[in-house]
Amino acid sequence: MSQRKPIFPADRHDLYANHRYSAAIQSGDLLFVSGQVGSRGDGSPEPDFEAQVRLAFANLQATLQAGGCTLDDIVDVTTFHTDPQNQFETMMAVKNDIFPSAPYPNWTAVGVNWLAGFDFEIKVIARIPG
């Protein structure tokens, strides 16, 4: 049975320590990335929604990189949205910038009523190359 190995990006934000969780866990050849939000270094939310989504993706990419992965290694995506109807167009524009061509990862979007002060969160599972 493979051991769990915690993964953290080089410039991790304060949320990991404040809320006691790992950015990602490596198990075998899979990387399970915790929900990434558009947090600044001090853990506070980026106030502009589009900038918050872009920062969440930047935090995701940093965590993937720390685990030896890229966006191309993602196999499963779940996103959480506090106001999906009004946020969808902006989120899709950012998503299309991040994933400009096929093959796309599978994706599940969930509307929620609370994300601890954030409006968008993304969690993924990636296969570690090699």
N, C-alpha and C. Protein backbone atom coordinates (compact mmCIF):
# COMPACT_ATOMS: atom_id res chain seq x y z
N MET A 1 0.85 -1.18 0.00
CA MET A 1 0.00 0.00 0.00
C MET A 1 0.89 1.24 0.00
N SER A 2 0.60 2.18 -0.88
CA SER A 2 1.44 3.38 -0.97
C SER A 2 1.13 4.34 0.18
N GLN A 3 2.16 5.06 0.57
CA GLN A 3 2.04 6.03 1.66
C GLN A 3 1.52 7.36 1.13
N ARG A 4 0.86 8.11 1.99
CA ARG A 4 0.44 9.47 1.65
C ARG A 4 1.63 10.39 1.84
N LYS A 5 1.85 11.25 0.86
CA LYS A 5 2.94 12.22 0.94
C LYS A 5 2.34 13.62 0.76
N PRO A 6 2.47 14.50 1.78
CA PRO A 6 1.93 15.85 1.62
C PRO A 6 2.78 16.67 0.65
N ILE A 7 2.10 17.51 -0.13
CA ILE A 7 2.75 18.36 -1.13
C ILE A 7 2.33 19.80 -0.86
N PHE A 8 3.29 20.71 -0.87
CA PHE A 8 3.01 22.13 -0.71
C PHE A 8 3.77 22.92 -1.77
N PRO A 9 3.16 23.99 -2.31
CA PRO A 9 3.90 24.85 -3.24
C PRO A 9 4.96 25.65 -2.49
N ALA A 10 5.94 26.16 -3.23
CA ALA A 10 7.04 26.91 -2.63
C ALA A 10 6.55 28.12 -1.84
N ASP A 11 5.65 28.88 -2.40
CA ASP A 11 5.13 30.09 -1.73
C ASP A 11 3.72 29.85 -1.24
N ARG A 12 3.59 28.93 -0.30
CA ARG A 12 2.25 28.57 0.14
C ARG A 12 1.62 29.69 0.97
N HIS A 13 0.31 29.83 0.83
CA HIS A 13 -0.40 30.87 1.58
C HIS A 13 -0.73 30.37 2.99
N ASP A 14 -1.12 31.29 3.83
CA ASP A 14 -1.35 31.01 5.25
C ASP A 14 -2.54 30.09 5.52
N LEU A 15 -3.42 29.89 4.53
CA LEU A 15 -4.61 29.07 4.78
C LEU A 15 -4.26 27.64 5.18
N TYR A 16 -3.18 27.09 4.62
CA TYR A 16 -2.82 25.70 4.95
C TYR A 16 -2.53 25.55 6.43
N ALA A 17 -1.76 26.46 6.98
CA ALA A 17 -1.42 26.38 8.41
C ALA A 17 -2.63 26.76 9.27
N ASN A 18 -3.35 27.80 8.86
CA ASN A 18 -4.48 28.27 9.66
C ASN A 18 -5.59 27.24 9.78
N HIS A 19 -5.80 26.47 8.70
CA HIS A 19 -6.90 25.51 8.69
C HIS A 19 -6.43 24.06 8.72
N ARG A 20 -5.12 23.87 8.87
CA ARG A 20 -4.51 22.55 9.07
C ARG A 20 -4.87 21.53 7.99
N TYR A 21 -4.46 21.84 6.76
CA TYR A 21 -4.64 20.88 5.67
C TYR A 21 -3.46 20.98 4.71
N SER A 22 -3.28 19.94 3.93
CA SER A 22 -2.21 19.91 2.93
C SER A 22 -2.72 20.46 1.61
N ALA A 23 -1.84 21.10 0.85
CA ALA A 23 -2.23 21.59 -0.47
C ALA A 23 -2.59 20.42 -1.37
N ALA A 24 -1.85 19.33 -1.24
CA ALA A 24 -2.13 18.13 -2.03
C ALA A 24 -1.55 16.93 -1.29
N ILE A 25 -2.05 15.77 -1.65
CA ILE A 25 -1.52 14.52 -1.15
C ILE A 25 -1.19 13.64 -2.35
N GLN A 26 0.05 13.14 -2.37
CA GLN A 26 0.45 12.18 -3.39
C GLN A 26 0.20 10.78 -2.82
N SER A 27 -0.47 9.97 -3.61
CA SER A 27 -0.69 8.56 -3.26
C SER A 27 -0.43 7.76 -4.52
N GLY A 28 0.66 7.00 -4.52
CA GLY A 28 1.04 6.28 -5.74
C GLY A 28 1.33 7.27 -6.84
N ASP A 29 0.71 7.06 -8.01
CA ASP A 29 0.94 7.97 -9.14
C ASP A 29 -0.17 9.00 -9.29
N LEU A 30 -0.94 9.21 -8.22
CA LEU A 30 -2.00 10.20 -8.25
C LEU A 30 -1.71 11.34 -7.29
N LEU A 31 -2.10 12.54 -7.71
CA LEU A 31 -1.98 13.73 -6.88
C LEU A 31 -3.39 14.26 -6.63
N PHE A 32 -3.81 14.26 -5.37
CA PHE A 32 -5.12 14.75 -4.97
C PHE A 32 -4.93 16.17 -4.42
N VAL A 33 -5.36 17.16 -5.19
CA VAL A 33 -5.14 18.56 -4.82
C VAL A 33 -6.36 19.09 -4.07
N SER A 34 -6.11 19.64 -2.89
CA SER A 34 -7.18 20.27 -2.11
C SER A 34 -7.75 21.45 -2.87
N GLY A 35 -8.95 21.87 -2.48
CA GLY A 35 -9.56 23.01 -3.10
C GLY A 35 -8.65 24.23 -3.04
N GLN A 36 -8.39 24.81 -4.19
CA GLN A 36 -7.55 26.00 -4.30
C GLN A 36 -8.45 27.21 -4.52
N VAL A 37 -8.19 28.26 -3.79
CA VAL A 37 -8.97 29.49 -3.89
C VAL A 37 -8.07 30.63 -4.32
N GLY A 38 -8.69 31.74 -4.64
CA GLY A 38 -7.94 32.93 -5.05
C GLY A 38 -7.48 33.71 -3.84
N SER A 39 -6.61 33.09 -3.05
CA SER A 39 -6.11 33.74 -1.84
C SER A 39 -4.78 34.42 -2.09
N ARG A 40 -4.64 35.55 -1.46
CA ARG A 40 -3.35 36.23 -1.48
C ARG A 40 -2.46 35.57 -0.43
N GLY A 41 -1.20 35.98 -0.33
CA GLY A 41 -0.24 35.37 0.57
C GLY A 41 -0.68 35.31 2.02
N ASP A 42 -1.44 36.30 2.45
CA ASP A 42 -1.89 36.33 3.85
C ASP A 42 -3.15 35.50 4.07
N GLY A 43 -3.65 34.85 3.00
CA GLY A 43 -4.84 34.01 3.12
C GLY A 43 -6.14 34.74 2.84
N SER A 44 -6.08 36.04 2.59
CA SER A 44 -7.31 36.79 2.33
C SER A 44 -7.74 36.63 0.87
N PRO A 45 -9.05 36.74 0.62
CA PRO A 45 -9.55 36.59 -0.75
C PRO A 45 -9.20 37.79 -1.63
N GLU A 46 -8.88 37.50 -2.87
CA GLU A 46 -8.77 38.55 -3.89
C GLU A 46 -10.19 39.06 -4.12
N PRO A 47 -10.45 40.38 -3.99
CA PRO A 47 -11.83 40.87 -4.05
C PRO A 47 -12.47 40.83 -5.45
N ASP A 48 -11.72 41.06 -6.51
CA ASP A 48 -12.27 41.05 -7.86
C ASP A 48 -12.49 39.60 -8.29
N PHE A 49 -13.72 39.26 -8.76
CA PHE A 49 -14.04 37.86 -9.04
C PHE A 49 -13.13 37.26 -10.11
N GLU A 50 -12.96 37.92 -11.25
CA GLU A 50 -12.11 37.34 -12.29
C GLU A 50 -10.68 37.17 -11.78
N ALA A 51 -10.16 38.16 -11.09
CA ALA A 51 -8.80 38.05 -10.53
C ALA A 51 -8.73 36.92 -9.50
N GLN A 52 -9.82 36.72 -8.74
CA GLN A 52 -9.85 35.63 -7.76
C GLN A 52 -9.79 34.27 -8.46
N VAL A 53 -10.52 34.12 -9.55
CA VAL A 53 -10.49 32.85 -10.30
C VAL A 53 -9.11 32.63 -10.89
N ARG A 54 -8.52 33.67 -11.48
CA ARG A 54 -7.18 33.52 -12.06
C ARG A 54 -6.14 33.18 -10.98
N LEU A 55 -6.28 33.79 -9.81
CA LEU A 55 -5.36 33.49 -8.72
C LEU A 55 -5.57 32.06 -8.21
N ALA A 56 -6.81 31.59 -8.18
CA ALA A 56 -7.06 30.20 -7.79
C ALA A 56 -6.36 29.25 -8.76
N PHE A 57 -6.42 29.53 -10.06
CA PHE A 57 -5.73 28.71 -11.04
C PHE A 57 -4.22 28.81 -10.88
N ALA A 58 -3.71 29.99 -10.55
CA ALA A 58 -2.27 30.15 -10.32
C ALA A 58 -1.84 29.34 -9.10
N ASN A 59 -2.65 29.38 -8.03
CA ASN A 59 -2.35 28.57 -6.85
C ASN A 59 -2.42 27.08 -7.18
N LEU A 60 -3.38 26.71 -8.01
CA LEU A 60 -3.48 25.32 -8.46
C LEU A 60 -2.22 24.91 -9.23
N GLN A 61 -1.80 25.74 -10.16
CA GLN A 61 -0.61 25.41 -10.96
C GLN A 61 0.63 25.29 -10.08
N ALA A 62 0.77 26.13 -9.09
CA ALA A 62 1.92 26.05 -8.18
C ALA A 62 1.91 24.74 -7.40
N THR A 63 0.73 24.32 -6.97
CA THR A 63 0.60 23.06 -6.23
C THR A 63 0.87 21.88 -7.16
N LEU A 64 0.32 21.91 -8.36
CA LEU A 64 0.60 20.85 -9.33
C LEU A 64 2.10 20.74 -9.59
N GLN A 65 2.75 21.87 -9.80
CA GLN A 65 4.18 21.88 -10.07
C GLN A 65 4.96 21.27 -8.91
N ALA A 66 4.58 21.61 -7.69
CA ALA A 66 5.26 21.04 -6.51
C ALA A 66 5.11 19.53 -6.46
N GLY A 67 4.02 19.01 -7.04
CA GLY A 67 3.80 17.58 -7.07
C GLY A 67 4.29 16.91 -8.34
N GLY A 68 5.00 17.66 -9.20
CA GLY A 68 5.55 17.08 -10.42
C GLY A 68 4.56 17.00 -11.57
N CYS A 69 3.52 17.82 -11.53
CA CYS A 69 2.48 17.77 -12.56
C CYS A 69 2.31 19.13 -13.24
N THR A 70 1.56 19.09 -14.33
CA THR A 70 1.13 20.31 -15.02
C THR A 70 -0.39 20.22 -15.21
N LEU A 71 -0.95 21.25 -15.79
CA LEU A 71 -2.38 21.23 -16.10
C LEU A 71 -2.74 20.07 -17.02
N ASP A 72 -1.81 19.65 -17.87
CA ASP A 72 -2.07 18.56 -18.80
C ASP A 72 -2.23 17.21 -18.10
N ASP A 73 -1.81 17.11 -16.85
CA ASP A 73 -1.91 15.86 -16.10
C ASP A 73 -3.22 15.72 -15.33
N ILE A 74 -4.05 16.76 -15.34
CA ILE A 74 -5.32 16.73 -14.61
C ILE A 74 -6.28 15.77 -15.30
N VAL A 75 -6.92 14.93 -14.50
CA VAL A 75 -7.94 14.03 -15.04
C VAL A 75 -9.33 14.34 -14.51
N ASP A 76 -9.42 15.01 -13.37
CA ASP A 76 -10.72 15.28 -12.77
C ASP A 76 -10.70 16.66 -12.12
N VAL A 77 -11.74 17.46 -12.40
CA VAL A 77 -11.86 18.81 -11.85
C VAL A 77 -13.24 18.95 -11.19
N THR A 78 -13.25 19.55 -10.02
CA THR A 78 -14.49 19.97 -9.38
C THR A 78 -14.33 21.43 -9.00
N THR A 79 -15.29 22.26 -9.41
CA THR A 79 -15.27 23.66 -9.02
C THR A 79 -16.52 23.97 -8.20
N PHE A 80 -16.35 24.92 -7.30
CA PHE A 80 -17.42 25.34 -6.41
C PHE A 80 -17.64 26.83 -6.62
N HIS A 81 -18.92 27.24 -6.71
CA HIS A 81 -19.28 28.60 -7.08
C HIS A 81 -20.36 29.12 -6.13
N THR A 82 -20.19 30.33 -5.61
CA THR A 82 -21.19 30.89 -4.70
C THR A 82 -22.37 31.52 -5.43
N ASP A 83 -22.19 31.89 -6.70
CA ASP A 83 -23.27 32.50 -7.49
C ASP A 83 -23.11 32.04 -8.94
N PRO A 84 -23.34 30.75 -9.19
CA PRO A 84 -23.02 30.19 -10.51
C PRO A 84 -23.68 30.93 -11.67
N GLN A 85 -24.92 31.31 -11.53
CA GLN A 85 -25.61 31.95 -12.64
C GLN A 85 -24.92 33.24 -13.08
N ASN A 86 -24.47 34.04 -12.11
CA ASN A 86 -23.83 35.31 -12.45
C ASN A 86 -22.33 35.19 -12.66
N GLN A 87 -21.71 34.11 -12.20
CA GLN A 87 -20.26 33.94 -12.31
C GLN A 87 -19.85 33.09 -13.51
N PHE A 88 -20.79 32.36 -14.08
CA PHE A 88 -20.45 31.34 -15.06
C PHE A 88 -19.70 31.90 -16.27
N GLU A 89 -20.17 32.98 -16.82
CA GLU A 89 -19.54 33.55 -18.02
C GLU A 89 -18.08 33.93 -17.76
N THR A 90 -17.83 34.58 -16.63
CA THR A 90 -16.46 34.97 -16.28
C THR A 90 -15.59 33.75 -16.04
N MET A 91 -16.12 32.78 -15.29
CA MET A 91 -15.35 31.56 -15.01
C MET A 91 -15.03 30.81 -16.30
N MET A 92 -15.99 30.73 -17.22
CA MET A 92 -15.75 30.02 -18.49
C MET A 92 -14.70 30.73 -19.34
N ALA A 93 -14.66 32.05 -19.30
CA ALA A 93 -13.65 32.78 -20.05
C ALA A 93 -12.26 32.46 -19.51
N VAL A 94 -12.12 32.42 -18.19
CA VAL A 94 -10.83 32.06 -17.58
C VAL A 94 -10.51 30.60 -17.89
N LYS A 95 -11.49 29.72 -17.73
CA LYS A 95 -11.30 28.29 -18.03
C LYS A 95 -10.81 28.10 -19.46
N ASN A 96 -11.40 28.83 -20.41
CA ASN A 96 -11.00 28.70 -21.81
C ASN A 96 -9.57 29.20 -22.04
N ASP A 97 -9.12 30.17 -21.25
CA ASP A 97 -7.72 30.61 -21.33
C ASP A 97 -6.78 29.54 -20.77
N ILE A 98 -7.20 28.89 -19.69
CA ILE A 98 -6.36 27.89 -19.02
C ILE A 98 -6.31 26.59 -19.80
N PHE A 99 -7.45 26.17 -20.35
CA PHE A 99 -7.55 24.93 -21.12
C PHE A 99 -8.02 25.28 -22.53
N PRO A 100 -7.10 25.79 -23.39
CA PRO A 100 -7.51 26.30 -24.70
C PRO A 100 -7.86 25.23 -25.73
N SER A 101 -7.42 23.99 -25.53
CA SER A 101 -7.69 22.97 -26.55
C SER A 101 -7.85 21.59 -25.91
N ALA A 102 -8.51 20.72 -26.68
CA ALA A 102 -8.75 19.35 -26.23
C ALA A 102 -7.43 18.57 -26.22
N PRO A 103 -7.33 17.54 -25.43
CA PRO A 103 -8.40 16.95 -24.62
C PRO A 103 -8.57 17.71 -23.30
N TYR A 104 -9.80 17.91 -22.92
CA TYR A 104 -10.12 18.62 -21.69
C TYR A 104 -10.30 17.62 -20.54
N PRO A 105 -10.00 18.03 -19.31
CA PRO A 105 -10.30 17.13 -18.19
C PRO A 105 -11.82 17.07 -17.98
N ASN A 106 -12.27 15.99 -17.33
CA ASN A 106 -13.69 16.00 -16.98
C ASN A 106 -13.90 17.06 -15.91
N TRP A 107 -15.12 17.57 -15.78
CA TRP A 107 -15.36 18.75 -14.95
C TRP A 107 -16.75 18.67 -14.32
N THR A 108 -16.81 18.93 -13.04
CA THR A 108 -18.07 19.04 -12.32
C THR A 108 -18.09 20.39 -11.62
N ALA A 109 -19.16 21.16 -11.85
CA ALA A 109 -19.32 22.46 -11.20
C ALA A 109 -20.48 22.37 -10.21
N VAL A 110 -20.26 22.89 -9.02
CA VAL A 110 -21.24 22.79 -7.94
C VAL A 110 -21.52 24.19 -7.39
N GLY A 111 -22.78 24.52 -7.26
CA GLY A 111 -23.18 25.77 -6.61
C GLY A 111 -23.24 25.56 -5.10
N VAL A 112 -22.65 26.48 -4.36
CA VAL A 112 -22.63 26.39 -2.90
C VAL A 112 -23.00 27.75 -2.32
N ASN A 113 -23.34 27.78 -1.04
CA ASN A 113 -23.70 29.07 -0.45
C ASN A 113 -22.63 29.64 0.47
N TRP A 114 -21.49 28.94 0.62
CA TRP A 114 -20.43 29.46 1.48
C TRP A 114 -19.09 28.85 1.11
N LEU A 115 -18.08 29.70 0.96
CA LEU A 115 -16.70 29.26 0.71
C LEU A 115 -15.73 30.07 1.57
N ALA A 116 -16.07 30.30 2.81
CA ALA A 116 -15.21 30.98 3.78
C ALA A 116 -14.70 32.33 3.27
N GLY A 117 -15.58 33.10 2.64
CA GLY A 117 -15.21 34.42 2.15
C GLY A 117 -14.77 34.45 0.70
N PHE A 118 -14.62 33.30 0.08
CA PHE A 118 -14.23 33.21 -1.32
C PHE A 118 -15.47 32.96 -2.17
N ASP A 119 -15.34 33.17 -3.49
CA ASP A 119 -16.46 32.96 -4.40
C ASP A 119 -16.22 31.84 -5.39
N PHE A 120 -15.02 31.26 -5.39
CA PHE A 120 -14.66 30.22 -6.35
C PHE A 120 -13.60 29.33 -5.70
N GLU A 121 -13.74 28.03 -5.92
CA GLU A 121 -12.74 27.07 -5.44
C GLU A 121 -12.62 25.97 -6.49
N ILE A 122 -11.39 25.48 -6.68
CA ILE A 122 -11.15 24.40 -7.64
C ILE A 122 -10.30 23.32 -6.99
N LYS A 123 -10.74 22.07 -7.13
CA LYS A 123 -9.96 20.93 -6.65
C LYS A 123 -9.82 19.96 -7.79
N VAL A 124 -8.68 19.27 -7.84
CA VAL A 124 -8.41 18.37 -8.96
C VAL A 124 -7.73 17.08 -8.48
N ILE A 125 -7.78 16.11 -9.36
CA ILE A 125 -6.97 14.90 -9.25
C ILE A 125 -6.12 14.85 -10.52
N ALA A 126 -4.83 14.63 -10.36
CA ALA A 126 -3.92 14.56 -11.50
C ALA A 126 -3.12 13.26 -11.42
N ARG A 127 -2.73 12.76 -12.58
CA ARG A 127 -1.85 11.60 -12.65
C ARG A 127 -0.43 12.12 -12.80
N ILE A 128 0.46 11.69 -11.91
CA ILE A 128 1.85 12.14 -11.92
C ILE A 128 2.58 11.43 -13.05
N PRO A 129 3.18 12.18 -13.98
CA PRO A 129 3.85 11.54 -15.11
C PRO A 129 5.09 10.76 -14.66
N GLY A 130 5.43 9.80 -15.49
CA GLY A 130 6.67 9.06 -15.21
C GLY A 130 6.41 7.65 -15.05
